[in-house]
Amino acid sequence: MISLHEVFEQGTDAVKAAVLAFGTRHPPEAARPDAEPDWKQAERHFTYLIETIMGTAAPRPSAAATVRRAENEAIDLLLAFHTLPNYRCPICVKRQRPPL
């Protein structure tokens, strides 16, 4: 499965901006002005997005094709969200939602 770092390295300028924006949605536990985002958490959440998409994706002829489609859709999701003001990581939001 593709990592956020690989998406950033291989992506266009728009994709790189989306990855950086997704990272900033995962602030470090120690709030310091110069602190880097919590990239480990961002990576876990990106992987979870891909896995969630794979779980709902229509089966493809091969497992690799299903994974690739889910990866592309997760990247498209980052691109769609990163320009919205004050958007939050959907995985963070889901985990903070109280149970029904």
Protein backbone atom coordinates (compact mmCIF):
# COMPACT_ATOMS: atom_id res chain seq x y z
CA MET A 1 0.00 0.00 0.00
CA ILE A 2 1.26 3.48 -0.84
CA SER A 3 2.42 5.76 1.98
CA LEU A 4 1.83 9.48 2.41
CA HIS A 5 5.55 10.02 1.87
CA GLU A 6 5.39 8.17 -1.46
CA VAL A 7 2.30 10.13 -2.48
CA PHE A 8 4.17 13.35 -1.68
CA GLU A 9 7.33 12.29 -3.52
CA GLN A 10 5.51 11.10 -6.64
CA GLY A 11 2.76 13.71 -6.71
CA THR A 12 2.15 16.93 -8.55
CA ASP A 13 2.34 20.27 -6.75
CA ALA A 14 -1.39 20.03 -5.97
CA VAL A 15 -0.97 16.54 -4.50
CA LYS A 16 2.01 17.69 -2.42
CA ALA A 17 -0.04 20.59 -1.07
CA ALA A 18 -2.89 18.20 -0.21
CA VAL A 19 -0.53 15.85 1.65
CA LEU A 20 0.97 18.75 3.63
CA ALA A 21 -2.52 20.03 4.46
CA PHE A 22 -3.57 16.55 5.62
CA GLY A 23 -0.48 16.42 7.83
CA THR A 24 -1.33 19.74 9.47
CA ARG A 25 -4.70 18.27 10.45
CA HIS A 26 -2.72 16.03 12.82
CA PRO A 27 -0.99 18.42 15.23
CA PRO A 28 1.66 17.10 17.59
CA GLU A 29 0.69 16.36 21.18
CA ALA A 30 3.08 19.02 22.48
CA ALA A 31 1.70 22.22 21.00
CA ARG A 32 4.73 24.26 20.01
CA PRO A 33 4.71 26.85 17.24
CA ASP A 34 7.65 25.19 15.46
CA ALA A 35 6.46 21.59 15.94
CA GLU A 36 5.96 19.31 12.96
CA PRO A 37 2.62 17.61 12.41
CA ASP A 38 2.14 14.13 13.85
CA TRP A 39 3.08 12.37 10.63
CA LYS A 40 2.77 8.91 12.18
CA GLN A 41 -0.86 9.56 13.04
CA ALA A 42 -1.48 11.14 9.61
CA GLU A 43 0.04 8.04 7.97
CA ARG A 44 -2.15 5.70 10.02
CA HIS A 45 -5.24 7.71 9.12
CA PHE A 46 -4.32 7.77 5.41
CA THR A 47 -3.86 3.99 5.50
CA TYR A 48 -7.22 3.64 7.25
CA LEU A 49 -8.85 5.77 4.53
CA ILE A 50 -7.46 3.43 1.87
CA GLU A 51 -8.61 0.35 3.80
CA THR A 52 -12.08 1.84 4.26
CA ILE A 53 -12.35 2.62 0.56
CA MET A 54 -11.13 -0.90 -0.31
CA GLY A 55 -13.85 -2.34 1.91
CA THR A 56 -16.53 -0.54 -0.06
CA ALA A 57 -14.92 -0.72 -3.51
CA ALA A 58 -16.27 -3.01 -6.18
CA PRO A 59 -13.95 -5.98 -6.67
CA ARG A 60 -11.45 -5.73 -9.50
CA PRO A 61 -9.85 -8.54 -11.51
CA SER A 62 -6.87 -8.53 -9.15
CA ALA A 63 -6.15 -7.54 -5.57
CA ALA A 64 -3.47 -5.12 -6.79
CA ALA A 65 -6.03 -3.33 -8.98
CA THR A 66 -8.41 -2.99 -6.03
CA VAL A 67 -5.64 -1.55 -3.83
CA ARG A 68 -4.51 0.85 -6.55
CA ARG A 69 -8.06 2.09 -7.09
CA ALA A 70 -8.51 2.67 -3.36
CA GLU A 71 -5.16 4.51 -3.17
CA ASN A 72 -6.19 6.78 -6.06
CA GLU A 73 -9.55 7.50 -4.45
CA ALA A 74 -7.87 8.33 -1.12
CA ILE A 75 -5.55 10.77 -2.92
CA ASP A 76 -8.58 12.29 -4.68
CA LEU A 77 -10.21 12.70 -1.27
CA LEU A 78 -7.14 14.59 0.02
CA LEU A 79 -7.25 16.82 -3.05
CA ALA A 80 -10.95 17.53 -2.57
CA PHE A 81 -10.64 18.36 1.13
CA HIS A 82 -7.44 20.36 1.32
CA THR A 83 -8.91 23.53 -0.18
CA LEU A 84 -11.84 23.61 2.25
CA PRO A 85 -11.34 26.01 5.15
CA ASN A 86 -11.10 24.35 8.55
CA TYR A 87 -11.65 20.83 7.30
CA ARG A 88 -10.80 18.03 9.70
CA CYS A 89 -9.41 14.58 9.03
CA PRO A 90 -12.44 12.31 8.54
CA ILE A 91 -10.80 9.57 10.61
CA CYS A 92 -10.18 11.96 13.51
CA VAL A 93 -13.79 13.12 13.31
CA LYS A 94 -15.09 9.54 13.20
CA ARG A 95 -13.06 8.56 16.27
CA GLN A 96 -14.24 11.60 18.24
CA ARG A 97 -17.92 11.03 17.47
CA PRO A 98 -19.83 9.70 20.47
CA PRO A 99 -21.50 6.31 20.00
CA LEU A 100 -25.17 6.23 19.05
